[in-house]
């Protein structure tokens, strides 16, 4: 993010976005992990994180990454944890 913008607030938002999904989804994810097959939940989470990471890589390689898309993709990658 520091290469995309010089705003300290945007750089700090990356850390905030990376911390937000565990806070928001931990109770729901724990309930789903208890009800559903844990192996299946882990496979879905890992595959989704890989897919979002692949999109992040492609967008970065093609220089299509902007601060908003980086924040959104960071949120989605962290949501898989």
Protein backbone atom coordinates (compact mmCIF):
# COMPACT_ATOMS: atom_id res chain seq x y z
CA UNK A 1 0.00 0.00 0.00
CA UNK A 2 2.91 2.34 0.66
CA UNK A 3 3.79 2.15 -3.04
CA UNK A 4 0.22 2.90 -4.15
CA UNK A 5 -0.38 5.93 -1.95
CA UNK A 6 1.58 8.12 0.42
CA UNK A 7 -1.33 8.37 2.87
CA UNK A 8 -0.46 6.96 6.29
CA UNK A 9 -4.16 6.36 6.89
CA UNK A 10 -4.44 4.03 3.89
CA UNK A 11 -1.41 2.07 5.05
CA UNK A 12 -2.97 1.71 8.51
CA UNK A 13 -6.26 0.60 6.93
CA UNK A 14 -4.53 -2.48 5.51
CA UNK A 15 -3.78 -3.68 9.04
CA UNK A 16 -7.28 -2.79 10.17
CA UNK A 17 -8.83 -4.69 7.27
CA UNK A 18 -6.62 -7.69 8.03
CA UNK A 19 -7.78 -7.70 11.67
CA UNK A 20 -11.47 -7.10 11.03
CA UNK A 21 -12.66 -10.47 9.60
CA UNK A 22 -11.62 -12.59 12.60
CA UNK A 23 -13.44 -10.16 14.88
CA UNK A 24 -16.57 -10.13 12.72
CA UNK A 25 -16.80 -13.77 11.67
CA UNK A 26 -15.25 -15.81 14.51
CA UNK A 27 -18.52 -16.75 16.22
CA UNK A 28 -20.29 -17.68 12.97
CA UNK A 29 -17.25 -19.56 11.65
CA UNK A 30 -16.93 -21.48 14.91
CA UNK A 31 -20.56 -22.49 14.75
CA UNK A 32 -20.24 -23.61 11.15
CA UNK A 33 -17.10 -25.58 11.95
CA UNK A 34 -18.98 -27.42 14.71
CA UNK A 35 -21.98 -28.24 12.51
CA UNK A 36 -20.24 -28.98 9.20
CA UNK A 37 -17.38 -31.31 8.39
CA UNK A 38 -14.25 -29.49 9.59
CA UNK A 39 -12.14 -30.89 6.79
CA UNK A 40 -14.56 -29.53 4.20
CA UNK A 41 -14.65 -26.12 5.92
CA UNK A 42 -10.84 -25.95 5.86
CA UNK A 43 -10.67 -26.99 2.20
CA UNK A 44 -13.22 -24.36 1.19
CA UNK A 45 -11.40 -21.70 3.21
CA UNK A 46 -8.00 -22.58 1.72
CA UNK A 47 -9.32 -22.72 -1.84
CA UNK A 48 -11.07 -19.37 -1.45
CA UNK A 49 -7.93 -17.77 0.01
CA UNK A 50 -5.91 -19.17 -2.89
CA UNK A 51 -8.39 -17.82 -5.42
CA UNK A 52 -8.38 -14.33 -3.93
CA UNK A 53 -4.58 -14.41 -3.68
CA UNK A 54 -4.40 -15.38 -7.33
CA UNK A 55 -6.63 -12.44 -8.27
CA UNK A 56 -4.40 -10.18 -6.17
CA UNK A 57 -1.31 -11.50 -7.95
CA UNK A 58 -2.80 -11.05 -11.42
CA UNK A 59 -4.05 -7.54 -10.67
CA UNK A 60 -0.64 -6.60 -9.27
CA UNK A 61 1.20 -8.07 -12.25
CA UNK A 62 -1.05 -6.18 -14.67
CA UNK A 63 -0.75 -2.94 -12.65
CA UNK A 64 -4.49 -2.84 -12.08
CA UNK A 65 -4.24 -2.65 -8.30
CA UNK A 66 -5.55 0.46 -6.60
CA UNK A 67 -5.91 1.17 -2.87
CA UNK A 68 -9.60 0.24 -2.69
CA UNK A 69 -9.15 -3.09 -4.49
CA UNK A 70 -6.15 -3.89 -2.30
CA UNK A 71 -8.20 -3.27 0.83
CA UNK A 72 -11.08 -5.38 -0.49
CA UNK A 73 -8.81 -8.27 -1.49
CA UNK A 74 -6.95 -8.11 1.83
CA UNK A 75 -10.30 -8.35 3.62
CA UNK A 76 -11.32 -11.37 1.53
CA UNK A 77 -8.00 -13.18 2.01
CA UNK A 78 -8.14 -12.67 5.77
CA UNK A 79 -11.78 -13.81 5.83
CA UNK A 80 -10.57 -17.29 4.90
CA UNK A 81 -8.66 -17.60 8.16
